[in-house]
């Protein structure tokens, strides 16, 4: 990484930390114009675009994951983007891969539970959420996923 790359990325991080999404995007765009393979910039771009443009977020995360299959952050962002796009089976596959790579991570298990719900498997979702609670009983995401999974499972048809 050149000094200019480091400067632009640090500036983008500061803008992101200051909740200046537009400023961060402008700096990331400039950095990626010069270094299109800058993985940390692509991941920050994916995170920033997730809510407004999940397709763009998926593309950025996928580029990083293709070049480094062990990048768990890229895989998680890709899974979240696929889910936001309504591509639930693909998101579920990615979340399962992430859960296999990070078996002790309660947040990953909670996300897997939500993905299972979206893919139409409430029983699997309950099991994944219960596992998340076992891994970290203080994780609110795990309890939220478990409650939601139980509600869906016990809804009358």
C-alpha atoms as a PDB file:
ATOM      1  CA  UNK A   1       0.000   0.000   0.000  1.00  0.00           C
ATOM      2  CA  UNK A   2       1.382   3.372  -0.956  1.00  0.00           C
ATOM      3  CA  UNK A   3       1.406   6.381   1.319  1.00  0.00           C
ATOM      4  CA  UNK A   4      -1.360   7.949  -0.780  1.00  0.00           C
ATOM      5  CA  UNK A   5      -3.485   4.770  -0.468  1.00  0.00           C
ATOM      6  CA  UNK A   6      -3.023   4.778   3.295  1.00  0.00           C
ATOM      7  CA  UNK A   7      -3.903   8.480   3.500  1.00  0.00           C
ATOM      8  CA  UNK A   8      -7.093   8.076   1.454  1.00  0.00           C
ATOM      9  CA  UNK A   9      -8.206   5.003   3.380  1.00  0.00           C
ATOM     10  CA  UNK A  10      -7.541   6.653   6.765  1.00  0.00           C
ATOM     11  CA  UNK A  11      -9.496   9.717   5.619  1.00  0.00           C
ATOM     12  CA  UNK A  12     -12.392   7.481   4.514  1.00  0.00           C
ATOM     13  CA  UNK A  13     -12.340   5.750   7.899  1.00  0.00           C
ATOM     14  CA  UNK A  14     -12.496   9.134   9.673  1.00  0.00           C
ATOM     15  CA  UNK A  15     -15.433  10.244   7.503  1.00  0.00           C
ATOM     16  CA  UNK A  16     -17.195   6.937   8.194  1.00  0.00           C
ATOM     17  CA  UNK A  17     -16.586   7.267  11.941  1.00  0.00           C
ATOM     18  CA  UNK A  18     -18.029  10.800  11.779  1.00  0.00           C
ATOM     19  CA  UNK A  19     -21.173   9.432  10.063  1.00  0.00           C
ATOM     20  CA  UNK A  20     -20.301  11.276   6.861  1.00  0.00           C
ATOM     21  CA  UNK A  21     -21.321   8.528   4.447  1.00  0.00           C
ATOM     22  CA  UNK A  22     -21.006  10.712   1.365  1.00  0.00           C
ATOM     23  CA  UNK A  23     -17.523  11.898   2.315  1.00  0.00           C
ATOM     24  CA  UNK A  24     -16.404   8.331   2.972  1.00  0.00           C
ATOM     25  CA  UNK A  25     -17.838   7.159  -0.357  1.00  0.00           C
ATOM     26  CA  UNK A  26     -16.060   9.929  -2.281  1.00  0.00           C
ATOM     27  CA  UNK A  27     -12.719   9.026  -0.696  1.00  0.00           C
ATOM     28  CA  UNK A  28     -13.245   5.304  -1.253  1.00  0.00           C
ATOM     29  CA  UNK A  29     -14.200   5.949  -4.864  1.00  0.00           C
ATOM     30  CA  UNK A  30     -10.966   7.854  -5.404  1.00  0.00           C
ATOM     31  CA  UNK A  31      -8.891   5.144  -3.717  1.00  0.00           C
ATOM     32  CA  UNK A  32     -10.567   2.378  -5.742  1.00  0.00           C
ATOM     33  CA  UNK A  33     -10.075   4.361  -8.943  1.00  0.00           C
ATOM     34  CA  UNK A  34      -6.332   4.130  -8.318  1.00  0.00           C
ATOM     35  CA  UNK A  35      -6.230   0.691  -6.621  1.00  0.00           C
ATOM     36  CA  UNK A  36      -9.276  -1.314  -7.668  1.00  0.00           C
ATOM     37  CA  UNK A  37      -8.130  -4.345  -5.640  1.00  0.00           C
ATOM     38  CA  UNK A  38      -7.805  -2.548  -2.274  1.00  0.00           C
ATOM     39  CA  UNK A  39      -9.623  -5.098  -0.086  1.00  0.00           C
ATOM     40  CA  UNK A  40     -10.173  -2.927   3.025  1.00  0.00           C
ATOM     41  CA  UNK A  41     -11.627  -0.155   0.844  1.00  0.00           C
ATOM     42  CA  UNK A  42     -13.887  -2.627  -0.967  1.00  0.00           C
ATOM     43  CA  UNK A  43     -15.146  -3.998   2.353  1.00  0.00           C
ATOM     44  CA  UNK A  44     -15.857  -0.533   3.741  1.00  0.00           C
ATOM     45  CA  UNK A  45     -17.618   0.311   0.479  1.00  0.00           C
ATOM     46  CA  UNK A  46     -19.739  -2.829   0.797  1.00  0.00           C
ATOM     47  CA  UNK A  47     -20.657  -1.948   4.371  1.00  0.00           C
ATOM     48  CA  UNK A  48     -21.635   1.601   3.401  1.00  0.00           C
ATOM     49  CA  UNK A  49     -23.694   0.445   0.423  1.00  0.00           C
ATOM     50  CA  UNK A  50     -25.475  -2.440   2.127  1.00  0.00           C
ATOM     51  CA  UNK A  51     -28.651  -0.538   3.064  1.00  0.00           C
ATOM     52  CA  UNK A  52     -29.022   1.558  -0.071  1.00  0.00           C
ATOM     53  CA  UNK A  53     -27.541  -0.642  -2.768  1.00  0.00           C
ATOM     54  CA  UNK A  54     -27.238  -4.299  -1.757  1.00  0.00           C
ATOM     55  CA  UNK A  55     -26.279  -5.296  -5.321  1.00  0.00           C
ATOM     56  CA  UNK A  56     -23.277  -2.946  -5.245  1.00  0.00           C
ATOM     57  CA  UNK A  57     -22.426  -4.168  -1.740  1.00  0.00           C
ATOM     58  CA  UNK A  58     -22.573  -7.788  -2.890  1.00  0.00           C
ATOM     59  CA  UNK A  59     -20.332  -7.004  -5.859  1.00  0.00           C
ATOM     60  CA  UNK A  60     -17.709  -5.313  -3.680  1.00  0.00           C
ATOM     61  CA  UNK A  61     -17.738  -8.079  -1.059  1.00  0.00           C
ATOM     62  CA  UNK A  62     -17.651 -10.763  -3.748  1.00  0.00           C
ATOM     63  CA  UNK A  63     -14.543  -9.203  -5.325  1.00  0.00           C
ATOM     64  CA  UNK A  64     -12.706  -9.456  -2.010  1.00  0.00           C
ATOM     65  CA  UNK A  65     -13.973 -12.959  -1.273  1.00  0.00           C
ATOM     66  CA  UNK A  66     -12.951 -14.205  -4.732  1.00  0.00           C
ATOM     67  CA  UNK A  67      -9.390 -13.081  -4.122  1.00  0.00           C
ATOM     68  CA  UNK A  68      -9.294 -14.372  -0.528  1.00  0.00           C
ATOM     69  CA  UNK A  69     -11.692 -17.213   0.314  1.00  0.00           C
ATOM     70  CA  UNK A  70     -10.688 -17.038   3.986  1.00  0.00           C
ATOM     71  CA  UNK A  71     -11.819 -13.412   4.409  1.00  0.00           C
ATOM     72  CA  UNK A  72     -14.693 -13.864   6.859  1.00  0.00           C
ATOM     73  CA  UNK A  73     -15.652 -10.188   6.812  1.00  0.00           C
ATOM     74  CA  UNK A  74     -16.125 -10.348   3.038  1.00  0.00           C
ATOM     75  CA  UNK A  75     -18.195 -13.522   3.341  1.00  0.00           C
ATOM     76  CA  UNK A  76     -20.406 -11.982   6.036  1.00  0.00           C
ATOM     77  CA  UNK A  77     -20.984  -8.818   4.006  1.00  0.00           C
ATOM     78  CA  UNK A  78     -21.736 -10.933   0.949  1.00  0.00           C
ATOM     79  CA  UNK A  79     -24.249 -13.029   2.913  1.00  0.00           C
ATOM     80  CA  UNK A  80     -25.954  -9.926   4.323  1.00  0.00           C
ATOM     81  CA  UNK A  81     -26.125  -8.330   0.859  1.00  0.00           C
ATOM     82  CA  UNK A  82     -27.560 -11.483  -0.705  1.00  0.00           C
ATOM     83  CA  UNK A  83     -30.178 -11.597   2.026  1.00  0.00           C
ATOM     84  CA  UNK A  84     -31.067  -7.936   1.456  1.00  0.00           C
ATOM     85  CA  UNK A  85     -31.464  -8.720  -2.256  1.00  0.00           C
ATOM     86  CA  UNK A  86     -33.941 -11.505  -1.431  1.00  0.00           C
ATOM     87  CA  UNK A  87     -31.563 -14.218  -2.616  1.00  0.00           C
ATOM     88  CA  UNK A  88     -32.245 -16.259   0.507  1.00  0.00           C
ATOM     89  CA  UNK A  89     -30.874 -19.637  -0.600  1.00  0.00           C
ATOM     90  CA  UNK A  90     -27.546 -18.103  -1.598  1.00  0.00           C
ATOM     91  CA  UNK A  91     -27.442 -16.057   1.606  1.00  0.00           C
ATOM     92  CA  UNK A  92     -28.162 -19.192   3.627  1.00  0.00           C
ATOM     93  CA  UNK A  93     -25.304 -21.023   1.897  1.00  0.00           C
ATOM     94  CA  UNK A  94     -22.935 -18.138   2.722  1.00  0.00           C
ATOM     95  CA  UNK A  95     -24.107 -17.938   6.349  1.00  0.00           C
ATOM     96  CA  UNK A  96     -23.636 -21.712   6.716  1.00  0.00           C
ATOM     97  CA  UNK A  97     -20.091 -21.406   5.372  1.00  0.00           C
ATOM     98  CA  UNK A  98     -19.443 -18.537   7.775  1.00  0.00           C
ATOM     99  CA  UNK A  99     -20.854 -20.523  10.727  1.00  0.00           C
ATOM    100  CA  UNK A 100     -18.565 -23.438   9.823  1.00  0.00           C
ATOM    101  CA  UNK A 101     -15.589 -21.068   9.702  1.00  0.00           C
ATOM    102  CA  UNK A 102     -16.513 -19.304  12.966  1.00  0.00           C
ATOM    103  CA  UNK A 103     -18.265 -21.974  15.067  1.00  0.00           C
ATOM    104  CA  UNK A 104     -17.969 -20.089  18.363  1.00  0.00           C
ATOM    105  CA  UNK A 105     -19.429 -16.790  17.126  1.00  0.00           C
ATOM    106  CA  UNK A 106     -22.909 -16.156  18.525  1.00  0.00           C
ATOM    107  CA  UNK A 107     -23.663 -13.259  16.162  1.00  0.00           C
ATOM    108  CA  UNK A 108     -22.926 -15.459  13.153  1.00  0.00           C
ATOM    109  CA  UNK A 109     -25.313 -18.107  14.546  1.00  0.00           C
ATOM    110  CA  UNK A 110     -27.998 -15.456  15.125  1.00  0.00           C
ATOM    111  CA  UNK A 111     -27.606 -14.264  11.524  1.00  0.00           C
ATOM    112  CA  UNK A 112     -27.787 -17.883  10.371  1.00  0.00           C
ATOM    113  CA  UNK A 113     -31.064 -18.249  12.286  1.00  0.00           C
ATOM    114  CA  UNK A 114     -32.580 -15.229  10.532  1.00  0.00           C
ATOM    115  CA  UNK A 115     -31.344 -16.539   7.195  1.00  0.00           C
ATOM    116  CA  UNK A 116     -32.954 -19.917   7.893  1.00  0.00           C
ATOM    117  CA  UNK A 117     -36.242 -18.148   8.653  1.00  0.00           C
ATOM    118  CA  UNK A 118     -36.071 -16.222   5.386  1.00  0.00           C
ATOM    119  CA  UNK A 119     -35.347 -19.464   3.532  1.00  0.00           C
ATOM    120  CA  UNK A 120     -38.455 -21.062   5.085  1.00  0.00           C
ATOM    121  CA  UNK A 121     -36.890 -23.257   7.796  1.00  0.00           C
ATOM    122  CA  UNK A 122     -38.228 -22.083  11.189  1.00  0.00           C
ATOM    123  CA  UNK A 123     -37.188 -25.294  12.992  1.00  0.00           C
ATOM    124  CA  UNK A 124     -33.625 -24.887  11.764  1.00  0.00           C
ATOM    125  CA  UNK A 125     -33.800 -21.236  12.787  1.00  0.00           C
ATOM    126  CA  UNK A 126     -34.798 -22.137  16.342  1.00  0.00           C
ATOM    127  CA  UNK A 127     -31.899 -24.602  16.570  1.00  0.00           C
ATOM    128  CA  UNK A 128     -29.397 -22.045  15.242  1.00  0.00           C
ATOM    129  CA  UNK A 129     -30.704 -19.337  17.573  1.00  0.00           C
ATOM    130  CA  UNK A 130     -30.596 -21.677  20.562  1.00  0.00           C
ATOM    131  CA  UNK A 131     -26.984 -22.438  19.686  1.00  0.00           C
ATOM    132  CA  UNK A 132     -26.290 -18.682  19.506  1.00  0.00           C
ATOM    133  CA  UNK A 133     -27.745 -18.191  23.000  1.00  0.00           C
ATOM    134  CA  UNK A 134     -25.651 -21.091  24.322  1.00  0.00           C
ATOM    135  CA  UNK A 135     -22.522 -19.520  22.834  1.00  0.00           C
ATOM    136  CA  UNK A 136     -23.219 -16.089  24.344  1.00  0.00           C
ATOM    137  CA  UNK A 137     -26.148 -15.810  26.758  1.00  0.00           C
ATOM    138  CA  UNK A 138     -25.620 -12.030  26.945  1.00  0.00           C
ATOM    139  CA  UNK A 139     -25.916 -11.421  23.179  1.00  0.00           C
ATOM    140  CA  UNK A 140     -29.155  -9.525  22.489  1.00  0.00           C
ATOM    141  CA  UNK A 141     -29.058 -10.533  18.810  1.00  0.00           C
ATOM    142  CA  UNK A 142     -29.132 -14.206  19.810  1.00  0.00           C
ATOM    143  CA  UNK A 143     -32.172 -13.714  22.045  1.00  0.00           C
ATOM    144  CA  UNK A 144     -33.933 -11.607  19.422  1.00  0.00           C
ATOM    145  CA  UNK A 145     -33.335 -14.282  16.773  1.00  0.00           C
ATOM    146  CA  UNK A 146     -34.572 -16.997  19.127  1.00  0.00           C
ATOM    147  CA  UNK A 147     -37.748 -15.096  20.017  1.00  0.00           C
ATOM    148  CA  UNK A 148     -38.470 -14.299  16.395  1.00  0.00           C
ATOM    149  CA  UNK A 149     -37.826 -17.898  15.310  1.00  0.00           C
ATOM    150  CA  UNK A 150     -40.198 -19.212  18.014  1.00  0.00           C
ATOM    151  CA  UNK A 151     -42.863 -16.705  16.948  1.00  0.00           C
ATOM    152  CA  UNK A 152     -42.617 -17.787  13.314  1.00  0.00           C
ATOM    153  CA  UNK A 153     -42.557 -21.480  14.220  1.00  0.00           C
ATOM    154  CA  UNK A 154     -45.675 -21.209  16.352  1.00  0.00           C
ATOM    155  CA  UNK A 155     -47.725 -18.958  14.073  1.00  0.00           C
ATOM    156  CA  UNK A 156     -50.965 -20.546  12.953  1.00  0.00           C
ATOM    157  CA  UNK A 157     -51.114 -21.268   9.212  1.00  0.00           C
END
